[in-house]
Amino acid sequence: MGLDFKIGDFAYPLAILRLKRIFDKNQWMSIEELENYQFIRIQKILGQAYDHVPHYRDLFRQRGLTPKDIRTLQDLKRIPCLTKKEIQRACNFLLAEDYKKYNPKWVSTSGTTGGQVRLCMDKFSNALEFAYYWRFWGWAGYRLGDTFAEMSAQHFTPHEENSDRFYDFQPLIRRVMVNSLLLSQENVDGYVKLFRKFKPKFLKGLPSNLYALALLLKEKKEQGVAFKAVFSQGENLLKYQRDLIEATFSCKVYDFYGHMERTVTISECPKGNYHINMDYGLLEIEPVHNAEVAGGLLEDEYVGEVIGTGLYNFAMPLIRYRTGDWVKVKKNPTKCPCGRNFPTVVSILGRDSDIIVTPDGRMITALYVVFDRTPGILCGQIVQKEDGELIVKIVARRHGNEESLRRAIEAQIRSFVGKAMRLSIVFSKPEDFIGNGKFKGIISEAIFNAK
């Protein structure tokens, strides 16, 4: 979920303001103080789960546990992890018997990885989402009431007659919804016109859409479209995308990670480090020992899977939720110069569905770095339909250099996956990468055991 300042929808402005004040203080707390904050929230969630959620009540009894047995954050590991498939299969058993008293709303994940999941979010988790984004955007200078633009396809697709509209301005919340379905060279002037009309200070969107817009403006040699900051979410932000977006819009990109389940958020600070928001949720990082990162790992780095526990949702508590998302982490991270004590990760690598499996059984994550390392590529995608074969789709910066580009990208990919992998390189058009959903740089349907 993105920043959506609809206080009328949330209907809890006092709860939002109260939590925002708490969050503003929390970011400067020590790790010990933050862990104490987490434990207090965990105790409340465990009590609710044990007393009112059939799934957890049965699970605790099977294991001979009660909430009182969880005396530290480490004790939480006595509870087995929850998977997405379990949520899909046993949704009603994860719903609290008293969920209606928390004024819940039903939401659904996009379903792009692992199928769609229905979730019940209560008033506390809605206030949480608002307060978190308000604080995070504030790191970039946002103030409540500033005009911002948001690139979206979903906003324009529920009703077919809206799909050809360039924008929808919502004056109460000062948001300009920008139709990403119309991204094309023919429509560049329309985007420029609406930005100049509303003068938004901030722009938010998927990295692929932000990059496509920046690319179109650059090719058009359009000057003067600038923002105070750009916020990217929902996909891996690649280096070449960040570089072009920042150069085109004359500002810093603030990247962040989260999911509809609302158990974990990671956000980039002004110093460029990715911080785990400890007051939003409890994040555990479980090492993935048989994973490799394209480009390599430093001696003090490792790859881990994100396991999240929500601290606020009483309508449908999610405890130790196995997200399937992977991050790169330093074993001994240093304190960020921004002054915040939130722990950091090096980067967000993607999901287990983004992992390429080599013929010799290695798992390669972050293989999208090959596009950063190959001059002449505008954008690209790697698809593994079956073990031992990759389909590589790329867009060249200019015509006439396809053969040299083919050799260069093949050499880069083989440096990571080896000579035994079969490669099929396909040249595509930019519009092939502009769709109405999330863009995935890596799509893997290979079967492997990541645990």
Protein backbone atom coordinates (compact mmCIF):
# COMPACT_ATOMS: atom_id res chain seq x y z
CA MET A 1 0.00 0.00 0.00
CA GLY A 2 1.25 3.47 -0.78
CA LEU A 3 0.80 6.73 1.00
CA ASP A 4 -2.91 7.48 0.85
CA PHE A 5 -3.92 10.47 2.92
CA LYS A 6 -7.63 9.75 3.21
CA ILE A 7 -8.34 10.48 6.84
CA GLY A 8 -12.02 10.06 6.06
CA ASP A 9 -11.37 6.48 5.02
CA PHE A 10 -9.29 5.69 8.07
CA ALA A 11 -11.60 7.71 10.31
CA TYR A 12 -9.02 7.70 13.10
CA PRO A 13 -7.21 11.05 12.87
CA LEU A 14 -6.43 11.14 16.59
CA ALA A 15 -4.94 7.64 16.48
CA ILE A 16 -2.85 8.64 13.46
CA LEU A 17 -1.56 11.82 15.08
CA ARG A 18 -0.78 9.98 18.32
CA LEU A 19 1.13 7.26 16.50
CA LYS A 20 2.95 9.79 14.34
CA ARG A 21 4.26 11.54 17.47
CA ILE A 22 5.40 8.18 18.84
CA PHE A 23 7.08 7.27 15.55
CA ASP A 24 8.90 10.59 15.34
CA LYS A 25 10.46 9.84 18.75
CA ASN A 26 11.10 6.17 18.04
CA GLN A 27 13.45 6.77 15.14
CA TRP A 28 16.00 8.29 17.53
CA MET A 29 15.69 5.60 20.21
CA SER A 30 18.47 3.17 21.06
CA ILE A 31 18.27 -0.44 19.86
CA GLU A 32 17.49 -1.55 23.42
CA GLU A 33 14.59 0.91 23.68
CA LEU A 34 13.27 -0.16 20.28
CA GLU A 35 13.43 -3.84 21.21
CA ASN A 36 11.50 -3.07 24.39
CA TYR A 37 8.89 -1.26 22.29
CA GLN A 38 8.63 -4.30 20.02
CA PHE A 39 8.26 -6.70 22.94
CA ILE A 40 5.43 -4.69 24.50
CA ARG A 41 3.60 -4.74 21.16
CA ILE A 42 4.34 -8.46 20.66
CA GLN A 43 2.83 -9.33 24.03
CA LYS A 44 -0.42 -7.64 23.04
CA ILE A 45 -0.51 -9.40 19.68
CA LEU A 46 0.24 -12.80 21.25
CA GLY A 47 -2.51 -12.30 23.83
CA GLN A 48 -5.02 -11.48 21.10
CA ALA A 49 -3.88 -14.43 18.96
CA TYR A 50 -4.06 -16.92 21.84
CA ASP A 51 -7.45 -15.75 23.11
CA HIS A 52 -9.29 -15.08 19.86
CA VAL A 53 -7.59 -16.58 16.77
CA PRO A 54 -8.40 -20.30 16.16
CA HIS A 55 -5.22 -20.99 14.18
CA TYR A 56 -2.90 -19.72 16.91
CA ARG A 57 -4.97 -21.04 19.79
CA ASP A 58 -4.68 -24.55 18.34
CA LEU A 59 -1.02 -24.07 17.47
CA PHE A 60 -0.09 -22.91 20.97
CA ARG A 61 -1.94 -25.79 22.60
CA GLN A 62 -0.29 -28.33 20.29
CA ARG A 63 3.10 -26.99 21.33
CA GLY A 64 2.25 -26.64 25.01
CA LEU A 65 2.77 -22.87 24.89
CA THR A 66 1.04 -19.80 26.26
CA PRO A 67 1.92 -16.14 25.65
CA LYS A 68 3.63 -16.09 29.05
CA ASP A 69 6.22 -18.55 27.71
CA ILE A 70 7.43 -15.89 25.26
CA ARG A 71 9.65 -13.91 27.63
CA THR A 72 12.04 -12.42 25.07
CA LEU A 73 12.01 -11.60 21.38
CA GLN A 74 14.20 -14.66 20.79
CA ASP A 75 11.51 -16.87 22.36
CA LEU A 76 9.25 -15.98 19.46
CA LYS A 77 11.17 -18.58 17.42
CA ARG A 78 9.37 -21.26 19.41
CA ILE A 79 6.38 -20.46 17.18
CA PRO A 80 6.65 -22.01 13.69
CA CYS A 81 6.65 -19.75 10.66
CA LEU A 82 3.48 -18.93 8.76
CA THR A 83 3.54 -19.29 4.96
CA LYS A 84 1.55 -17.57 2.24
CA LYS A 85 -0.03 -20.90 1.29
CA GLU A 86 -1.27 -21.32 4.86
CA ILE A 87 -2.90 -17.89 4.73
CA GLN A 88 -4.56 -18.79 1.43
CA ARG A 89 -5.72 -22.15 2.74
CA ALA A 90 -6.78 -21.18 6.27
CA CYS A 91 -7.73 -17.52 5.99
CA ASN A 92 -10.83 -17.76 8.22
CA PHE A 93 -8.90 -19.58 10.96
CA LEU A 94 -6.42 -16.69 11.06
CA LEU A 95 -9.26 -14.21 11.51
CA ALA A 96 -9.91 -13.14 15.10
CA GLU A 97 -13.30 -14.15 16.45
CA ASP A 98 -13.85 -10.57 17.63
CA TYR A 99 -12.44 -8.95 14.45
CA LYS A 100 -15.54 -6.79 13.81
CA LYS A 101 -14.94 -4.70 16.94
CA TYR A 102 -11.72 -3.38 15.36
CA ASN A 103 -13.52 -1.84 12.35
CA PRO A 104 -11.60 -3.89 9.78
CA LYS A 105 -11.26 -3.61 6.01
CA TRP A 106 -10.58 -6.48 3.63
CA VAL A 107 -7.67 -6.05 1.21
CA SER A 108 -5.94 -8.32 -1.30
CA THR A 109 -2.34 -8.67 -2.43
CA SER A 110 -1.57 -8.24 -6.12
CA GLY A 111 -1.03 -11.97 -6.63
CA THR A 112 2.04 -11.42 -8.84
CA THR A 113 4.07 -13.89 -6.79
CA GLY A 114 2.54 -17.00 -5.31
CA GLY A 115 -1.12 -16.16 -5.86
CA GLN A 116 -3.47 -13.60 -4.37
CA VAL A 117 -3.98 -13.42 -0.60
CA ARG A 118 -6.99 -11.88 1.17
CA LEU A 119 -6.22 -10.07 4.40
CA CYS A 120 -8.25 -8.34 7.07
CA MET A 121 -6.73 -5.06 8.29
CA ASP A 122 -8.08 -3.25 11.33
CA LYS A 123 -8.11 0.39 12.41
CA PHE A 124 -4.76 0.09 14.20
CA SER A 125 -2.95 -1.23 11.12
CA ASN A 126 -4.55 1.49 8.97
CA ALA A 127 -3.33 4.16 11.36
CA LEU A 128 0.08 2.45 11.33
CA GLU A 129 0.32 2.62 7.54
CA PHE A 130 -0.55 6.30 7.50
CA ALA A 131 1.89 7.24 10.28
CA TYR A 132 4.74 5.22 8.77
CA TYR A 133 4.52 6.81 5.33
CA TRP A 134 4.07 10.24 6.84
CA ARG A 135 7.33 9.81 8.76
CA PHE A 136 9.22 8.23 5.86
CA TRP A 137 8.20 10.87 3.34
CA GLY A 138 9.15 13.45 5.93
CA TRP A 139 12.76 12.25 5.62
CA ALA A 140 12.64 13.71 2.09
CA GLY A 141 11.04 16.97 3.21
CA TYR A 142 7.36 16.13 2.74
CA ARG A 143 4.85 18.09 4.80
CA LEU A 144 1.19 17.16 5.12
CA GLY A 145 -0.66 19.15 2.47
CA ASP A 146 2.12 19.17 -0.12
CA THR A 147 0.97 18.26 -3.63
CA PHE A 148 2.34 14.93 -4.85
CA ALA A 149 1.92 12.83 -7.99
CA GLU A 150 1.50 9.07 -8.04
CA MET A 151 1.93 6.92 -11.13
CA SER A 152 -0.67 4.18 -11.24
CA ALA A 153 -2.38 1.76 -13.58
CA GLN A 154 -4.69 0.20 -10.99
CA HIS A 155 -6.46 3.49 -10.28
CA PHE A 156 -7.54 3.80 -13.92
CA THR A 157 -8.49 0.22 -14.76
CA PRO A 158 -11.56 -0.61 -12.61
CA HIS A 159 -13.72 1.26 -15.12
CA GLU A 160 -12.79 0.85 -18.77
CA GLU A 161 -13.92 4.37 -19.66
CA ASN A 162 -11.19 5.78 -17.37
CA SER A 163 -8.28 3.93 -18.98
CA ASP A 164 -7.50 6.73 -21.46
CA ARG A 165 -7.52 9.53 -18.88
CA PHE A 166 -4.13 11.12 -18.23
CA TYR A 167 -4.75 11.98 -14.61
CA ASP A 168 -7.19 12.32 -11.76
CA PHE A 169 -6.64 15.17 -9.31
CA GLN A 170 -7.84 14.69 -5.74
CA PRO A 171 -7.82 18.20 -4.22
CA LEU A 172 -8.62 17.19 -0.62
CA ILE A 173 -5.42 15.18 -0.29
CA ARG A 174 -3.46 17.15 -2.94
CA ARG A 175 -2.70 14.02 -4.96
CA VAL A 176 -2.41 13.79 -8.74
CA MET A 177 -3.00 10.23 -9.92
CA VAL A 178 -1.01 9.82 -13.16
CA ASN A 179 -2.02 7.12 -15.64
CA SER A 180 1.00 4.89 -16.28
CA LEU A 181 -0.92 2.92 -18.93
CA LEU A 182 -0.39 5.75 -21.42
CA LEU A 183 3.41 5.89 -21.22
CA SER A 184 4.60 6.40 -24.81
CA GLN A 185 6.59 8.89 -26.86
CA GLU A 186 3.35 10.28 -28.31
CA ASN A 187 2.04 11.16 -24.84
CA VAL A 188 5.14 12.83 -23.38
CA ASP A 189 3.75 16.32 -23.89
CA GLY A 190 0.61 15.35 -21.98
CA TYR A 191 2.63 14.28 -18.94
CA VAL A 192 4.74 17.43 -19.06
CA LYS A 193 1.62 19.58 -19.27
CA LEU A 194 -0.02 18.02 -16.22
CA PHE A 195 3.18 18.29 -14.12
CA ARG A 196 3.48 21.95 -15.00
CA LYS A 197 -0.19 22.52 -14.23
CA PHE A 198 -0.23 20.99 -10.74
CA LYS A 199 3.46 21.48 -9.81
CA PRO A 200 3.72 18.42 -7.52
CA LYS A 201 6.73 18.47 -5.21
CA PHE A 202 7.03 14.69 -5.06
CA LEU A 203 6.55 11.76 -7.44
CA LYS A 204 5.84 8.14 -6.45
CA GLY A 205 5.65 4.96 -8.52
CA LEU A 206 7.05 1.60 -9.53
CA PRO A 207 10.72 1.85 -10.60
CA SER A 208 9.90 0.54 -14.09
CA ASN A 209 7.27 3.25 -14.63
CA LEU A 210 9.47 5.99 -13.19
CA TYR A 211 12.32 4.84 -15.42
CA ALA A 212 10.09 4.68 -18.50
CA LEU A 213 8.86 8.23 -17.87
CA ALA A 214 12.41 9.50 -17.33
CA LEU A 215 13.55 7.74 -20.51
CA LEU A 216 10.75 9.25 -22.57
CA LEU A 217 11.52 12.73 -21.26
CA LYS A 218 15.22 12.28 -22.01
CA GLU A 219 14.59 11.11 -25.59
CA LYS A 220 12.23 14.05 -26.08
CA LYS A 221 14.96 16.33 -24.66
CA GLU A 222 12.32 17.77 -22.34
CA GLN A 223 13.75 20.01 -19.63
CA GLY A 224 12.26 21.48 -16.49
CA VAL A 225 10.34 18.53 -14.99
CA ALA A 226 11.80 18.33 -11.49
CA PHE A 227 10.73 17.22 -8.03
CA LYS A 228 11.92 17.58 -4.47
CA ALA A 229 12.12 13.77 -4.20
CA VAL A 230 10.98 10.63 -5.98
CA PHE A 231 9.68 7.58 -4.08
CA SER A 232 10.01 4.11 -5.61
CA GLN A 233 8.40 0.92 -4.35
CA GLY A 234 7.00 -2.43 -5.42
CA GLU A 235 9.95 -3.64 -7.55
CA ASN A 236 13.71 -3.86 -7.29
CA LEU A 237 15.22 -0.48 -8.13
CA LEU A 238 18.16 -1.15 -10.45
CA LYS A 239 21.23 1.11 -10.51
CA TYR A 240 20.75 2.25 -14.10
CA GLN A 241 17.13 3.09 -13.30
CA ARG A 242 18.08 5.13 -10.24
CA ASP A 243 20.80 7.00 -12.13
CA LEU A 244 18.49 8.08 -14.96
CA ILE A 245 15.55 8.95 -12.68
CA GLU A 246 17.71 11.13 -10.43
CA ALA A 247 19.41 12.84 -13.39
CA THR A 248 16.12 13.50 -15.18
CA PHE A 249 14.15 14.82 -12.21
CA SER A 250 17.07 16.58 -10.46
CA CYS A 251 16.46 14.95 -7.08
CA LYS A 252 17.18 11.90 -4.95
CA VAL A 253 15.21 8.67 -5.24
CA TYR A 254 14.01 7.31 -1.91
CA ASP A 255 13.44 3.60 -2.35
CA PHE A 256 11.40 1.52 0.07
CA TYR A 257 10.08 -1.98 0.61
CA GLY A 258 6.88 -3.20 2.18
CA HIS A 259 3.97 -5.50 1.50
CA MET A 260 0.21 -5.60 1.90
CA GLU A 261 0.54 -8.01 4.84
CA ARG A 262 2.01 -5.11 6.86
CA THR A 263 4.53 -7.03 8.90
CA VAL A 264 7.75 -5.37 7.66
CA THR A 265 8.94 -2.13 6.07
CA ILE A 266 12.42 -1.10 4.96
CA SER A 267 13.02 2.46 3.80
CA GLU A 268 15.94 4.44 2.42
CA CYS A 269 17.18 7.39 4.47
CA PRO A 270 18.73 10.63 3.15
CA LYS A 271 22.18 9.03 3.48
CA GLY A 272 21.20 6.21 1.10
CA ASN A 273 20.99 3.37 3.63
CA TYR A 274 18.04 0.96 3.88
CA HIS A 275 16.60 1.00 7.42
CA ILE A 276 14.42 -1.66 9.03
CA ASN A 277 11.54 0.16 10.75
CA MET A 278 11.54 -1.69 14.06
CA ASP A 279 8.45 0.11 15.37
CA TYR A 280 6.40 -0.96 12.33
CA GLY A 281 7.00 -4.71 12.64
CA LEU A 282 9.42 -7.32 13.90
CA LEU A 283 11.79 -8.48 11.16
CA GLU A 284 13.81 -11.68 11.44
CA ILE A 285 16.42 -12.47 8.79
CA GLU A 286 16.92 -16.18 8.28
CA PRO A 287 20.18 -16.97 6.43
CA VAL A 288 19.80 -18.71 3.07
CA HIS A 289 23.00 -20.73 2.95
CA ASN A 290 22.83 -22.00 -0.63
CA ALA A 291 22.17 -18.66 -2.31
CA GLU A 292 24.67 -16.64 -4.35
CA VAL A 293 24.44 -12.99 -5.34
CA ALA A 294 25.34 -11.98 -8.87
CA GLY A 295 28.32 -9.69 -8.40
CA GLY A 296 29.36 -11.56 -5.27
CA LEU A 297 29.17 -11.05 -1.52
CA LEU A 298 31.72 -9.31 0.63
CA GLU A 299 33.28 -11.35 3.42
CA ASP A 300 30.99 -9.81 6.03
CA GLU A 301 27.78 -10.11 3.98
CA TYR A 302 25.13 -12.82 3.66
CA VAL A 303 21.73 -13.42 2.06
CA GLY A 304 18.68 -13.90 4.26
CA GLU A 305 14.94 -14.40 3.93
CA VAL A 306 12.62 -11.83 5.50
CA ILE A 307 10.32 -13.20 8.22
CA GLY A 308 7.91 -10.60 9.59
CA THR A 309 5.60 -10.28 12.58
CA GLY A 310 2.96 -7.57 12.62
CA LEU A 311 2.74 -5.43 15.75
CA TYR A 312 -0.64 -3.74 15.27
CA ASN A 313 -3.27 -5.79 13.41
CA PHE A 314 -5.62 -7.39 15.93
CA ALA A 315 -8.21 -8.46 13.35
CA MET A 316 -5.83 -10.90 11.65
CA PRO A 317 -2.47 -11.18 13.45
CA LEU A 318 0.38 -12.54 11.35
CA ILE A 319 3.16 -14.01 13.48
CA ARG A 320 6.50 -15.03 11.93
CA TYR A 321 5.20 -14.69 8.38
CA ARG A 322 7.62 -16.13 5.82
CA THR A 323 7.51 -13.47 3.09
CA GLY A 324 9.69 -15.18 0.47
CA ASP A 325 11.59 -11.90 0.08
CA TRP A 326 15.38 -11.91 0.28
CA VAL A 327 17.82 -9.23 1.44
CA LYS A 328 21.57 -8.78 1.52
CA VAL A 329 22.86 -8.01 5.01
CA LYS A 330 26.13 -7.12 6.68
CA LYS A 331 27.10 -9.32 9.60
CA ASN A 332 28.49 -6.33 11.50
CA PRO A 333 26.75 -3.21 10.20
CA THR A 334 27.94 0.22 11.26
CA LYS A 335 25.65 2.94 12.52
CA CYS A 336 24.15 5.06 9.75
CA PRO A 337 25.42 8.66 9.66
CA CYS A 338 21.80 9.86 9.50
CA GLY A 339 21.72 9.25 13.27
CA ARG A 340 18.83 6.79 13.32
CA ASN A 341 19.41 3.55 15.18
CA PHE A 342 17.13 1.42 13.02
CA PRO A 343 19.19 -1.54 11.71
CA THR A 344 20.13 -1.53 8.03
CA VAL A 345 20.28 -4.00 5.16
CA VAL A 346 22.60 -3.60 2.20
CA SER A 347 19.91 -4.16 -0.43
CA ILE A 348 16.61 -5.87 -1.20
CA LEU A 349 17.23 -8.75 -3.60
CA GLY A 350 13.71 -9.83 -4.46
CA ARG A 351 11.74 -13.00 -3.91
CA ASP A 352 12.56 -16.69 -4.15
CA SER A 353 10.65 -16.57 -7.45
CA ASP A 354 13.39 -14.20 -8.70
CA ILE A 355 16.19 -16.73 -8.20
CA ILE A 356 17.91 -18.34 -11.19
CA VAL A 357 18.90 -21.99 -10.76
CA THR A 358 22.00 -23.07 -12.69
CA PRO A 359 22.52 -26.54 -14.24
CA ASP A 360 25.00 -27.35 -11.47
CA GLY A 361 22.42 -26.53 -8.79
CA ARG A 362 23.55 -23.07 -7.71
CA MET A 363 20.96 -20.39 -6.93
CA ILE A 364 21.84 -16.97 -8.31
CA THR A 365 20.02 -13.95 -6.93
CA ALA A 366 20.24 -10.34 -8.16
CA LEU A 367 21.22 -11.43 -11.66
CA TYR A 368 19.71 -8.17 -12.91
CA VAL A 369 23.12 -6.57 -12.29
CA VAL A 370 24.10 -7.83 -15.76
CA PHE A 371 22.01 -5.01 -17.25
CA ASP A 372 23.92 -2.42 -15.21
CA ARG A 373 27.19 -3.90 -16.42
CA THR A 374 26.34 -3.98 -20.13
CA PRO A 375 26.55 -0.59 -21.88
CA GLY A 376 23.97 -0.05 -24.59
CA ILE A 377 20.96 -1.64 -22.84
CA LEU A 378 17.91 0.47 -22.04
CA CYS A 379 16.13 -2.24 -20.07
CA GLY A 380 15.98 -6.00 -19.86
CA GLN A 381 14.34 -9.06 -18.37
CA ILE A 382 15.52 -12.62 -17.70
CA VAL A 383 13.02 -15.48 -17.72
CA GLN A 384 13.73 -19.03 -16.61
CA LYS A 385 10.91 -21.25 -17.83
CA GLU A 386 12.68 -24.48 -17.00
CA ASP A 387 15.92 -25.70 -15.49
CA GLY A 388 18.94 -25.14 -17.69
CA GLU A 389 17.52 -22.45 -19.99
CA LEU A 390 17.19 -18.65 -19.85
CA ILE A 391 15.28 -16.31 -22.14
CA VAL A 392 16.85 -12.85 -22.08
CA LYS A 393 14.76 -9.95 -23.38
CA ILE A 394 16.59 -6.66 -23.93
CA VAL A 395 16.01 -3.25 -25.47
CA ALA A 396 19.01 -1.68 -27.21
CA ARG A 397 19.77 2.02 -26.86
CA ARG A 398 20.29 2.33 -30.59
CA HIS A 399 19.79 0.21 -33.69
CA GLY A 400 22.70 -1.44 -35.46
CA ASN A 401 24.64 -2.74 -32.47
CA GLU A 402 22.54 -5.84 -31.77
CA GLU A 403 25.25 -8.39 -32.50
CA SER A 404 27.88 -6.78 -30.28
CA LEU A 405 25.25 -6.29 -27.58
CA ARG A 406 24.25 -9.93 -27.86
CA ARG A 407 27.84 -11.04 -27.29
CA ALA A 408 28.32 -8.62 -24.39
CA ILE A 409 25.18 -9.61 -22.48
CA GLU A 410 25.85 -13.31 -23.04
CA ALA A 411 29.36 -12.94 -21.65
CA GLN A 412 28.04 -11.14 -18.58
CA ILE A 413 25.34 -13.73 -17.89
CA ARG A 414 27.68 -16.69 -18.43
CA SER A 415 30.16 -15.20 -15.97
CA PHE A 416 27.53 -15.93 -13.31
CA VAL A 417 25.58 -18.98 -14.54
CA GLY A 418 28.31 -20.90 -16.42
CA LYS A 419 28.65 -22.37 -19.89
CA ALA A 420 26.11 -25.18 -19.47
CA MET A 421 23.13 -22.80 -19.30
CA ARG A 422 21.23 -22.48 -22.60
CA LEU A 423 20.60 -18.83 -23.53
CA SER A 424 18.05 -17.34 -25.90
CA ILE A 425 18.49 -13.58 -26.39
CA VAL A 426 15.51 -11.68 -27.77
CA PHE A 427 15.49 -8.00 -28.78
CA SER A 428 12.31 -6.20 -27.75
CA LYS A 429 10.69 -2.76 -27.90
CA PRO A 430 10.40 -0.39 -24.92
CA GLU A 431 6.60 -0.63 -24.92
CA ASP A 432 6.89 -4.37 -24.29
CA PHE A 433 8.12 -3.52 -20.80
CA ILE A 434 5.36 -1.03 -19.97
CA GLY A 435 2.34 -2.83 -18.61
CA ASN A 436 -0.46 -2.37 -16.11
CA GLY A 437 1.20 -4.26 -13.30
CA LYS A 438 4.54 -4.76 -11.58
CA PHE A 439 7.57 -5.25 -13.80
CA LYS A 440 9.87 -8.11 -12.82
CA GLY A 441 13.46 -8.03 -14.01
CA ILE A 442 13.84 -11.71 -13.16
CA ILE A 443 11.10 -14.31 -13.56
CA SER A 444 11.98 -17.83 -12.47
CA GLU A 445 9.71 -20.85 -12.64
CA ALA A 446 12.46 -23.29 -11.73
CA ILE A 447 11.84 -25.65 -8.83
CA PHE A 448 14.36 -25.57 -6.00
CA ASN A 449 14.65 -25.84 -2.27
CA ALA A 450 15.71 -22.51 -0.77
CA LYS A 451 15.49 -23.54 2.85
